[in-house]
Every structure is written in structure tokens, then in C-alpha cells.
Amino acid sequence: MAFKGEAPYAAPDVIADNVRTECNLPAYQGAAFERAAEAAGIQIERKSTKDLPGAPRAIRLQILNALSAGNAFMGHRKQVTLTAKLYRDGAEVSTFKATR
């Protein structure tokens, strides 16, 4: 399956500056996806964004939103919302959205 290797922000301007500069979420989420896919027996092939539409099977991950709030006294709240789109021969065949 073709994959860019990271999960970019869909709209970086809605993500807090501290999250964008400190967390390295695009690379972290991409690596987590690759580990999970390979553990499930799915072979990942890194491709550039422009090469994804021509791949027989491709997936595109994007970070829709990310939240990091709180402090040591009231606790921390961290949350990421991702979307995944699965393509087969350039046509979108499935989408998925999750928040954790």
C-alpha cells in the first residue's frame, strides 16, 4: 500500500502553535500508522503525494484537529482527530474518521 509517510495537518491554522511546533504530530502519526499496518501484515511503500493517485492501493492520513490543554494541578487533556481515505486505482473507496 502506498503511503506518504506522514499525516499532515488538514488546516494548520486551526492547530495551536504549541502543538505544531512541539509535538511533531505529522511524523509521529505516520510512523504509528506504518507500525500498525506492518503488524497487520500490510506492506507499506512510501510515495510522494503526487505519486499516490497512480498507486494500485494508497492511503492518505490527515490530522483534522489536535488539542493539548491543562496543567499539573487540573490534569492534561490531549486529543487528536484523524481522517483516513483509502484509494484503489486512484478512486476513493473508503473513509474513516477517529478521535482519541
PDB file of N, CA and C in Angstrom:
ATOM      1  N   MET A   1       0.847  -1.165   0.000  1.00  0.00           N
ATOM      2  CA  MET A   1       0.000   0.000   0.000  1.00  0.00           C
ATOM      3  C   MET A   1       0.896   1.233   0.000  1.00  0.00           C
ATOM      4  N   ALA A   2       0.588   2.186  -0.843  1.00  0.00           N
ATOM      5  CA  ALA A   2       1.350   3.423  -0.911  1.00  0.00           C
ATOM      6  C   ALA A   2       0.913   4.367   0.202  1.00  0.00           C
ATOM      7  N   PHE A   3       1.889   5.034   0.779  1.00  0.00           N
ATOM      8  CA  PHE A   3       1.643   5.967   1.882  1.00  0.00           C
ATOM      9  C   PHE A   3       2.728   7.028   1.863  1.00  0.00           C
ATOM     10  N   LYS A   4       2.352   8.261   2.132  1.00  0.00           N
ATOM     11  CA  LYS A   4       3.300   9.371   2.111  1.00  0.00           C
ATOM     12  C   LYS A   4       4.336   9.278   3.224  1.00  0.00           C
ATOM     13  N   GLY A   5       3.992   8.662   4.341  1.00  0.00           N
ATOM     14  CA  GLY A   5       4.929   8.547   5.448  1.00  0.00           C
ATOM     15  C   GLY A   5       4.639   9.494   6.593  1.00  0.00           C
ATOM     16  N   GLU A   6       3.665  10.351   6.402  1.00  0.00           N
ATOM     17  CA  GLU A   6       3.256  11.238   7.493  1.00  0.00           C
ATOM     18  C   GLU A   6       1.789  11.584   7.329  1.00  0.00           C
ATOM     19  N   ALA A   7       1.234  12.176   8.380  1.00  0.00           N
ATOM     20  CA  ALA A   7      -0.167  12.599   8.383  1.00  0.00           C
ATOM     21  C   ALA A   7      -0.170  14.119   8.550  1.00  0.00           C
ATOM     22  N   PRO A   8      -0.183  14.869   7.458  1.00  0.00           N
ATOM     23  CA  PRO A   8      -0.124  16.323   7.577  1.00  0.00           C
ATOM     24  C   PRO A   8      -1.394  16.913   8.181  1.00  0.00           C
ATOM     25  N   TYR A   9      -1.279  18.142   8.648  1.00  0.00           N
ATOM     26  CA  TYR A   9      -2.443  18.861   9.152  1.00  0.00           C
ATOM     27  C   TYR A   9      -3.326  19.253   7.971  1.00  0.00           C
ATOM     28  N   ALA A  10      -4.617  18.982   8.066  1.00  0.00           N
ATOM     29  CA  ALA A  10      -5.550  19.365   7.005  1.00  0.00           C
ATOM     30  C   ALA A  10      -5.649  20.881   6.907  1.00  0.00           C
ATOM     31  N   ALA A  11      -5.688  21.547   8.056  1.00  0.00           N
ATOM     32  CA  ALA A  11      -5.758  23.012   8.125  1.00  0.00           C
ATOM     33  C   ALA A  11      -4.859  23.462   9.274  1.00  0.00           C
ATOM     34  N   PRO A  12      -3.572  23.707   8.997  1.00  0.00           N
ATOM     35  CA  PRO A  12      -2.632  24.048  10.075  1.00  0.00           C
ATOM     36  C   PRO A  12      -3.062  25.242  10.922  1.00  0.00           C
ATOM     37  N   ASP A  13      -3.826  26.166  10.347  1.00  0.00           N
ATOM     38  CA  ASP A  13      -4.210  27.366  11.089  1.00  0.00           C
ATOM     39  C   ASP A  13      -5.189  27.092  12.223  1.00  0.00           C
ATOM     40  N   VAL A  14      -5.830  25.917  12.258  1.00  0.00           N
ATOM     41  CA  VAL A  14      -6.734  25.603  13.371  1.00  0.00           C
ATOM     42  C   VAL A  14      -6.027  24.860  14.502  1.00  0.00           C
ATOM     43  N   ILE A  15      -4.767  24.516  14.301  1.00  0.00           N
ATOM     44  CA  ILE A  15      -3.974  23.805  15.301  1.00  0.00           C
ATOM     45  C   ILE A  15      -3.179  24.826  16.103  1.00  0.00           C
ATOM     46  N   ALA A  16      -3.203  24.711  17.419  1.00  0.00           N
ATOM     47  CA  ALA A  16      -2.475  25.644  18.282  1.00  0.00           C
ATOM     48  C   ALA A  16      -0.981  25.644  17.937  1.00  0.00           C
ATOM     49  N   ASP A  17      -0.370  26.816  18.022  1.00  0.00           N
ATOM     50  CA  ASP A  17       1.051  26.961  17.697  1.00  0.00           C
ATOM     51  C   ASP A  17       1.928  26.000  18.494  1.00  0.00           C
ATOM     52  N   ASN A  18       1.641  25.856  19.795  1.00  0.00           N
ATOM     53  CA  ASN A  18       2.490  24.991  20.613  1.00  0.00           C
ATOM     54  C   ASN A  18       2.407  23.534  20.160  1.00  0.00           C
ATOM     55  N   VAL A  19       1.267  23.089  19.696  1.00  0.00           N
ATOM     56  CA  VAL A  19       1.122  21.719  19.207  1.00  0.00           C
ATOM     57  C   VAL A  19       1.918  21.553  17.915  1.00  0.00           C
ATOM     58  N   ARG A  20       1.781  22.516  16.989  1.00  0.00           N
ATOM     59  CA  ARG A  20       2.504  22.431  15.720  1.00  0.00           C
ATOM     60  C   ARG A  20       4.015  22.472  15.902  1.00  0.00           C
ATOM     61  N   THR A  21       4.497  23.279  16.838  1.00  0.00           N
ATOM     62  CA  THR A  21       5.945  23.437  16.975  1.00  0.00           C
ATOM     63  C   THR A  21       6.597  22.420  17.899  1.00  0.00           C
ATOM     64  N   GLU A  22       5.855  21.868  18.858  1.00  0.00           N
ATOM     65  CA  GLU A  22       6.469  20.998  19.864  1.00  0.00           C
ATOM     66  C   GLU A  22       6.195  19.511  19.678  1.00  0.00           C
ATOM     67  N   CYS A  23       5.119  19.141  19.031  1.00  0.00           N
ATOM     68  CA  CYS A  23       4.683  17.738  19.069  1.00  0.00           C
ATOM     69  C   CYS A  23       5.120  16.872  17.894  1.00  0.00           C
ATOM     70  N   ASN A  24       5.444  17.448  16.769  1.00  0.00           N
ATOM     71  CA  ASN A  24       5.832  16.686  15.583  1.00  0.00           C
ATOM     72  C   ASN A  24       4.790  15.611  15.234  1.00  0.00           C
ATOM     73  N   LEU A  25       3.521  15.978  15.353  1.00  0.00           N
ATOM     74  CA  LEU A  25       2.431  15.030  15.131  1.00  0.00           C
ATOM     75  C   LEU A  25       2.386  14.417  13.734  1.00  0.00           C
ATOM     76  N   PRO A  26       2.627  15.170  12.653  1.00  0.00           N
ATOM     77  CA  PRO A  26       2.547  14.523  11.334  1.00  0.00           C
ATOM     78  C   PRO A  26       3.468  13.304  11.204  1.00  0.00           C
ATOM     79  N   ALA A  27       4.709  13.443  11.639  1.00  0.00           N
ATOM     80  CA  ALA A  27       5.647  12.318  11.562  1.00  0.00           C
ATOM     81  C   ALA A  27       5.278  11.225  12.558  1.00  0.00           C
ATOM     82  N   TYR A  28       4.886  11.608  13.766  1.00  0.00           N
ATOM     83  CA  TYR A  28       4.528  10.632  14.797  1.00  0.00           C
ATOM     84  C   TYR A  28       3.335   9.788  14.362  1.00  0.00           C
ATOM     85  N   GLN A  29       2.283  10.424  13.849  1.00  0.00           N
ATOM     86  CA  GLN A  29       1.085   9.693  13.418  1.00  0.00           C
ATOM     87  C   GLN A  29       1.400   8.801  12.217  1.00  0.00           C
ATOM     88  N   GLY A  30       2.231   9.290  11.307  1.00  0.00           N
ATOM     89  CA  GLY A  30       2.623   8.475  10.161  1.00  0.00           C
ATOM     90  C   GLY A  30       3.378   7.228  10.579  1.00  0.00           C
ATOM     91  N   ALA A  31       4.316   7.381  11.506  1.00  0.00           N
ATOM     92  CA  ALA A  31       5.093   6.232  11.996  1.00  0.00           C
ATOM     93  C   ALA A  31       4.196   5.249  12.736  1.00  0.00           C
ATOM     94  N   ALA A  32       3.256   5.752  13.524  1.00  0.00           N
ATOM     95  CA  ALA A  32       2.333   4.870  14.249  1.00  0.00           C
ATOM     96  C   ALA A  32       1.472   4.080  13.262  1.00  0.00           C
ATOM     97  N   PHE A  33       1.021   4.724  12.205  1.00  0.00           N
ATOM     98  CA  PHE A  33       0.233   4.029  11.188  1.00  0.00           C
ATOM     99  C   PHE A  33       1.067   2.932  10.520  1.00  0.00           C
ATOM    100  N   GLU A  34       2.299   3.261  10.161  1.00  0.00           N
ATOM    101  CA  GLU A  34       3.149   2.269   9.495  1.00  0.00           C
ATOM    102  C   GLU A  34       3.394   1.050  10.391  1.00  0.00           C
ATOM    103  N   ARG A  35       3.647   1.290  11.678  1.00  0.00           N
ATOM    104  CA  ARG A  35       3.862   0.169  12.609  1.00  0.00           C
ATOM    105  C   ARG A  35       2.610  -0.709  12.697  1.00  0.00           C
ATOM    106  N   ALA A  36       1.446  -0.080  12.816  1.00  0.00           N
ATOM    107  CA  ALA A  36       0.196  -0.833  12.934  1.00  0.00           C
ATOM    108  C   ALA A  36      -0.106  -1.599  11.640  1.00  0.00           C
ATOM    109  N   ALA A  37       0.128  -0.979  10.500  1.00  0.00           N
ATOM    110  CA  ALA A  37      -0.127  -1.649   9.220  1.00  0.00           C
ATOM    111  C   ALA A  37       0.791  -2.855   9.057  1.00  0.00           C
ATOM    112  N   GLU A  38       2.058  -2.674   9.339  1.00  0.00           N
ATOM    113  CA  GLU A  38       3.003  -3.781   9.191  1.00  0.00           C
ATOM    114  C   GLU A  38       2.709  -4.899  10.185  1.00  0.00           C
ATOM    115  N   ALA A  39       2.263  -4.551  11.387  1.00  0.00           N
ATOM    116  CA  ALA A  39       1.881  -5.576  12.369  1.00  0.00           C
ATOM    117  C   ALA A  39       0.671  -6.374  11.882  1.00  0.00           C
ATOM    118  N   ALA A  40      -0.167  -5.747  11.053  1.00  0.00           N
ATOM    119  CA  ALA A  40      -1.342  -6.416  10.492  1.00  0.00           C
ATOM    120  C   ALA A  40      -1.018  -7.134   9.180  1.00  0.00           C
ATOM    121  N   GLY A  41       0.260  -7.133   8.785  1.00  0.00           N
ATOM    122  CA  GLY A  41       0.667  -7.822   7.565  1.00  0.00           C
ATOM    123  C   GLY A  41       0.492  -7.014   6.294  1.00  0.00           C
ATOM    124  N   ILE A  42       0.326  -5.703   6.415  1.00  0.00           N
ATOM    125  CA  ILE A  42       0.166  -4.835   5.248  1.00  0.00           C
ATOM    126  C   ILE A  42       1.505  -4.192   4.945  1.00  0.00           C
ATOM    127  N   GLN A  43       2.012  -4.435   3.757  1.00  0.00           N
ATOM    128  CA  GLN A  43       3.302  -3.875   3.360  1.00  0.00           C
ATOM    129  C   GLN A  43       3.109  -2.424   2.908  1.00  0.00           C
ATOM    130  N   ILE A  44       3.901  -1.523   3.487  1.00  0.00           N
ATOM    131  CA  ILE A  44       3.808  -0.093   3.184  1.00  0.00           C
ATOM    132  C   ILE A  44       4.944   0.309   2.250  1.00  0.00           C
ATOM    133  N   GLU A  45       4.600   1.080   1.239  1.00  0.00           N
ATOM    134  CA  GLU A  45       5.587   1.627   0.312  1.00  0.00           C
ATOM    135  C   GLU A  45       5.452   3.143   0.338  1.00  0.00           C
ATOM    136  N   ARG A  46       6.508   3.830   0.737  1.00  0.00           N
ATOM    137  CA  ARG A  46       6.437   5.288   0.798  1.00  0.00           C
ATOM    138  C   ARG A  46       6.456   5.894  -0.597  1.00  0.00           C
ATOM    139  N   LYS A  47       5.542   6.829  -0.808  1.00  0.00           N
ATOM    140  CA  LYS A  47       5.422   7.537  -2.084  1.00  0.00           C
ATOM    141  C   LYS A  47       5.226   9.014  -1.799  1.00  0.00           C
ATOM    142  N   SER A  48       5.581   9.843  -2.760  1.00  0.00           N
ATOM    143  CA  SER A  48       5.302  11.271  -2.615  1.00  0.00           C
ATOM    144  C   SER A  48       3.807  11.494  -2.845  1.00  0.00           C
ATOM    145  N   THR A  49       3.315  12.634  -2.403  1.00  0.00           N
ATOM    146  CA  THR A  49       1.888  12.938  -2.546  1.00  0.00           C
ATOM    147  C   THR A  49       1.453  12.879  -3.997  1.00  0.00           C
ATOM    148  N   LYS A  50       2.284  13.358  -4.915  1.00  0.00           N
ATOM    149  CA  LYS A  50       1.893  13.371  -6.324  1.00  0.00           C
ATOM    150  C   LYS A  50       1.822  11.973  -6.937  1.00  0.00           C
ATOM    151  N   ASP A  51       2.532  11.001  -6.337  1.00  0.00           N
ATOM    152  CA  ASP A  51       2.516   9.637  -6.850  1.00  0.00           C
ATOM    153  C   ASP A  51       1.397   8.778  -6.259  1.00  0.00           C
ATOM    154  N   LEU A  52       0.738   9.241  -5.207  1.00  0.00           N
ATOM    155  CA  LEU A  52      -0.313   8.440  -4.569  1.00  0.00           C
ATOM    156  C   LEU A  52      -1.488   8.119  -5.493  1.00  0.00           C
ATOM    157  N   PRO A  53      -1.998   9.084  -6.293  1.00  0.00           N
ATOM    158  CA  PRO A  53      -3.162   8.767  -7.129  1.00  0.00           C
ATOM    159  C   PRO A  53      -2.924   7.632  -8.125  1.00  0.00           C
ATOM    160  N   GLY A  54      -1.690   7.412  -8.564  1.00  0.00           N
ATOM    161  CA  GLY A  54      -1.416   6.360  -9.540  1.00  0.00           C
ATOM    162  C   GLY A  54      -1.147   5.001  -8.937  1.00  0.00           C
ATOM    163  N   ALA A  55      -1.095   4.905  -7.627  1.00  0.00           N
ATOM    164  CA  ALA A  55      -0.800   3.630  -6.973  1.00  0.00           C
ATOM    165  C   ALA A  55      -2.030   2.727  -6.997  1.00  0.00           C
ATOM    166  N   PRO A  56      -1.830   1.398  -7.095  1.00  0.00           N
ATOM    167  CA  PRO A  56      -2.976   0.481  -7.075  1.00  0.00           C
ATOM    168  C   PRO A  56      -3.780   0.579  -5.773  1.00  0.00           C
ATOM    169  N   ARG A  57      -3.083   0.729  -4.641  1.00  0.00           N
ATOM    170  CA  ARG A  57      -3.735   0.940  -3.340  1.00  0.00           C
ATOM    171  C   ARG A  57      -2.950   2.016  -2.615  1.00  0.00           C
ATOM    172  N   ALA A  58      -3.650   3.003  -2.091  1.00  0.00           N
ATOM    173  CA  ALA A  58      -2.989   4.090  -1.378  1.00  0.00           C
ATOM    174  C   ALA A  58      -3.874   4.551  -0.231  1.00  0.00           C
ATOM    175  N   ILE A  59      -3.236   5.123   0.779  1.00  0.00           N
ATOM    176  CA  ILE A  59      -3.983   5.681   1.902  1.00  0.00           C
ATOM    177  C   ILE A  59      -3.446   7.075   2.175  1.00  0.00           C
ATOM    178  N   ARG A  60      -4.347   7.970   2.520  1.00  0.00           N
ATOM    179  CA  ARG A  60      -3.978   9.339   2.855  1.00  0.00           C
ATOM    180  C   ARG A  60      -4.519   9.651   4.238  1.00  0.00           C
ATOM    181  N   LEU A  61      -3.614   9.949   5.154  1.00  0.00           N
ATOM    182  CA  LEU A  61      -3.994  10.352   6.501  1.00  0.00           C
ATOM    183  C   LEU A  61      -3.854  11.850   6.638  1.00  0.00           C
ATOM    184  N   GLN A  62      -4.752  12.464   7.377  1.00  0.00           N
ATOM    185  CA  GLN A  62      -4.656  13.885   7.700  1.00  0.00           C
ATOM    186  C   GLN A  62      -5.099  14.100   9.134  1.00  0.00           C
ATOM    187  N   ILE A  63      -4.432  15.039   9.786  1.00  0.00           N
ATOM    188  CA  ILE A  63      -4.816  15.446  11.132  1.00  0.00           C
ATOM    189  C   ILE A  63      -5.805  16.593  10.989  1.00  0.00           C
ATOM    190  N   LEU A  64      -7.028  16.365  11.447  1.00  0.00           N
ATOM    191  CA  LEU A  64      -8.061  17.402  11.366  1.00  0.00           C
ATOM    192  C   LEU A  64      -7.961  18.379  12.524  1.00  0.00           C
ATOM    193  N   ASN A  65      -7.653  17.872  13.723  1.00  0.00           N
ATOM    194  CA  ASN A  65      -7.570  18.733  14.889  1.00  0.00           C
ATOM    195  C   ASN A  65      -6.687  18.072  15.935  1.00  0.00           C
ATOM    196  N   ALA A  66      -6.071  18.876  16.750  1.00  0.00           N
ATOM    197  CA  ALA A  66      -5.246  18.384  17.854  1.00  0.00           C
ATOM    198  C   ALA A  66      -5.383  19.361  19.009  1.00  0.00           C
ATOM    199  N   LEU A  67      -5.467  18.814  20.210  1.00  0.00           N
ATOM    200  CA  LEU A  67      -5.670  19.625  21.403  1.00  0.00           C
ATOM    201  C   LEU A  67      -4.694  19.186  22.475  1.00  0.00           C
ATOM    202  N   SER A  68      -4.093  20.146  23.129  1.00  0.00           N
ATOM    203  CA  SER A  68      -3.245  19.883  24.287  1.00  0.00           C
ATOM    204  C   SER A  68      -3.534  21.002  25.277  1.00  0.00           C
ATOM    205  N   ALA A  69      -4.184  20.649  26.383  1.00  0.00           N
ATOM    206  CA  ALA A  69      -4.584  21.668  27.350  1.00  0.00           C
ATOM    207  C   ALA A  69      -4.442  21.135  28.762  1.00  0.00           C
ATOM    208  N   GLY A  70      -4.385  22.051  29.705  1.00  0.00           N
ATOM    209  CA  GLY A  70      -4.346  21.677  31.109  1.00  0.00           C
ATOM    210  C   GLY A  70      -3.003  21.963  31.745  1.00  0.00           C
ATOM    211  N   ASN A  71      -2.857  21.456  32.973  1.00  0.00           N
ATOM    212  CA  ASN A  71      -1.619  21.649  33.719  1.00  0.00           C
ATOM    213  C   ASN A  71      -1.502  20.559  34.781  1.00  0.00           C
ATOM    214  N   ALA A  72      -0.453  20.611  35.567  1.00  0.00           N
ATOM    215  CA  ALA A  72      -0.198  19.568  36.561  1.00  0.00           C
ATOM    216  C   ALA A  72      -1.264  19.531  37.657  1.00  0.00           C
ATOM    217  N   PHE A  73      -1.921  20.643  37.916  1.00  0.00           N
ATOM    218  CA  PHE A  73      -2.899  20.699  39.003  1.00  0.00           C
ATOM    219  C   PHE A  73      -4.272  20.182  38.590  1.00  0.00           C
ATOM    220  N   MET A  74      -4.714  20.514  37.392  1.00  0.00           N
ATOM    221  CA  MET A  74      -6.034  20.086  36.948  1.00  0.00           C
ATOM    222  C   MET A  74      -5.987  18.924  35.959  1.00  0.00           C
ATOM    223  N   GLY A  75      -4.800  18.503  35.591  1.00  0.00           N
ATOM    224  CA  GLY A  75      -4.637  17.395  34.651  1.00  0.00           C
ATOM    225  C   GLY A  75      -4.486  17.888  33.222  1.00  0.00           C
ATOM    226  N   HIS A  76      -3.998  17.014  32.390  1.00  0.00           N
ATOM    227  CA  HIS A  76      -3.791  17.349  30.983  1.00  0.00           C
ATOM    228  C   HIS A  76      -4.840  16.653  30.118  1.00  0.00           C
ATOM    229  N   ARG A  77      -5.215  17.319  29.066  1.00  0.00           N
ATOM    230  CA  ARG A  77      -6.124  16.733  28.087  1.00  0.00           C
ATOM    231  C   ARG A  77      -5.448  16.812  26.730  1.00  0.00           C
ATOM    232  N   LYS A  78      -5.255  15.674  26.132  1.00  0.00           N
ATOM    233  CA  LYS A  78      -4.653  15.606  24.809  1.00  0.00           C
ATOM    234  C   LYS A  78      -5.607  14.848  23.908  1.00  0.00           C
ATOM    235  N   GLN A  79      -5.785  15.351  22.702  1.00  0.00           N
ATOM    236  CA  GLN A  79      -6.744  14.747  21.783  1.00  0.00           C
ATOM    237  C   GLN A  79      -6.315  15.013  20.353  1.00  0.00           C
ATOM    238  N   VAL A  80      -6.453  14.013  19.501  1.00  0.00           N
ATOM    239  CA  VAL A  80      -6.142  14.151  18.076  1.00  0.00           C
ATOM    240  C   VAL A  80      -7.301  13.558  17.284  1.00  0.00           C
ATOM    241  N   THR A  81      -7.716  14.258  16.244  1.00  0.00           N
ATOM    242  CA  THR A  81      -8.723  13.745  15.327  1.00  0.00           C
ATOM    243  C   THR A  81      -8.062  13.553  13.964  1.00  0.00           C
ATOM    244  N   LEU A  82      -8.157  12.332  13.442  1.00  0.00           N
ATOM    245  CA  LEU A  82      -7.564  11.971  12.153  1.00  0.00           C
ATOM    246  C   LEU A  82      -8.643  11.548  11.176  1.00  0.00           C
ATOM    247  N   THR A  83      -8.342  11.715   9.912  1.00  0.00           N
ATOM    248  CA  THR A  83      -9.171  11.135   8.868  1.00  0.00           C
ATOM    249  C   THR A  83      -8.250  10.315   7.969  1.00  0.00           C
ATOM    250  N   ALA A  84      -8.784   9.223   7.475  1.00  0.00           N
ATOM    251  CA  ALA A  84      -8.046   8.371   6.547  1.00  0.00           C
ATOM    252  C   ALA A  84      -8.916   8.138   5.322  1.00  0.00           C
ATOM    253  N   LYS A  85      -8.296   8.218   4.155  1.00  0.00           N
ATOM    254  CA  LYS A  85      -9.007   7.935   2.910  1.00  0.00           C
ATOM    255  C   LYS A  85      -8.242   6.846   2.176  1.00  0.00           C
ATOM    256  N   LEU A  86      -8.957   5.807   1.793  1.00  0.00           N
ATOM    257  CA  LEU A  86      -8.368   4.688   1.078  1.00  0.00           C
ATOM    258  C   LEU A  86      -8.702   4.825  -0.406  1.00  0.00           C
ATOM    259  N   TYR A  87      -7.677   4.683  -1.231  1.00  0.00           N
ATOM    260  CA  TYR A  87      -7.842   4.804  -2.679  1.00  0.00           C
ATOM    261  C   TYR A  87      -7.455   3.484  -3.344  1.00  0.00           C
ATOM    262  N   ARG A  88      -8.195   3.117  -4.366  1.00  0.00           N
ATOM    263  CA  ARG A  88      -7.869   1.962  -5.192  1.00  0.00           C
ATOM    264  C   ARG A  88      -7.854   2.436  -6.633  1.00  0.00           C
ATOM    265  N   ASP A  89      -6.692   2.332  -7.267  1.00  0.00           N
ATOM    266  CA  ASP A  89      -6.508   2.795  -8.652  1.00  0.00           C
ATOM    267  C   ASP A  89      -6.972   4.241  -8.834  1.00  0.00           C
ATOM    268  N   GLY A  90      -6.658   5.073  -7.854  1.00  0.00           N
ATOM    269  CA  GLY A  90      -6.950   6.498  -7.933  1.00  0.00           C
ATOM    270  C   GLY A  90      -8.341   6.913  -7.489  1.00  0.00           C
ATOM    271  N   ALA A  91      -9.225   5.962  -7.256  1.00  0.00           N
ATOM    272  CA  ALA A  91     -10.598   6.290  -6.840  1.00  0.00           C
ATOM    273  C   ALA A  91     -10.748   6.068  -5.333  1.00  0.00           C
ATOM    274  N   GLU A  92     -11.355   7.022  -4.663  1.00  0.00           N
ATOM    275  CA  GLU A  92     -11.603   6.884  -3.228  1.00  0.00           C
ATOM    276  C   GLU A  92     -12.659   5.809  -2.999  1.00  0.00           C
ATOM    277  N   VAL A  93     -12.308   4.814  -2.162  1.00  0.00           N
ATOM    278  CA  VAL A  93     -13.242   3.718  -1.914  1.00  0.00           C
ATOM    279  C   VAL A  93     -13.737   3.663  -0.476  1.00  0.00           C
ATOM    280  N   SER A  94     -13.055   4.363   0.443  1.00  0.00           N
ATOM    281  CA  SER A  94     -13.483   4.322   1.839  1.00  0.00           C
ATOM    282  C   SER A  94     -12.879   5.495   2.602  1.00  0.00           C
ATOM    283  N   THR A  95     -13.600   5.938   3.630  1.00  0.00           N
ATOM    284  CA  THR A  95     -13.072   6.977   4.520  1.00  0.00           C
ATOM    285  C   THR A  95     -13.301   6.547   5.963  1.00  0.00           C
ATOM    286  N   PHE A  96     -12.493   7.118   6.832  1.00  0.00           N
ATOM    287  CA  PHE A  96     -12.570   6.797   8.253  1.00  0.00           C
ATOM    288  C   PHE A  96     -12.165   8.035   9.029  1.00  0.00           C
ATOM    289  N   LYS A  97     -12.846   8.294  10.129  1.00  0.00           N
ATOM    290  CA  LYS A  97     -12.517   9.434  10.983  1.00  0.00           C
ATOM    291  C   LYS A  97     -12.537   8.945  12.421  1.00  0.00           C
ATOM    292  N   ALA A  98     -11.508   9.320  13.187  1.00  0.00           N
ATOM    293  CA  ALA A  98     -11.429   8.875  14.571  1.00  0.00           C
ATOM    294  C   ALA A  98     -10.823   9.957  15.443  1.00  0.00           C
ATOM    295  N   THR A  99     -11.249   9.967  16.702  1.00  0.00           N
ATOM    296  CA  THR A  99     -10.701  10.884  17.697  1.00  0.00           C
ATOM    297  C   THR A  99     -10.247  10.069  18.883  1.00  0.00           C
ATOM    298  N   ARG A 100      -9.087  10.399  19.375  1.00  0.00           N
ATOM    299  CA  ARG A 100      -8.578   9.738  20.571  1.00  0.00           C
ATOM    300  C   ARG A 100      -7.870  10.756  21.414  1.00  0.00           C
TER     301      ARG A 100
END
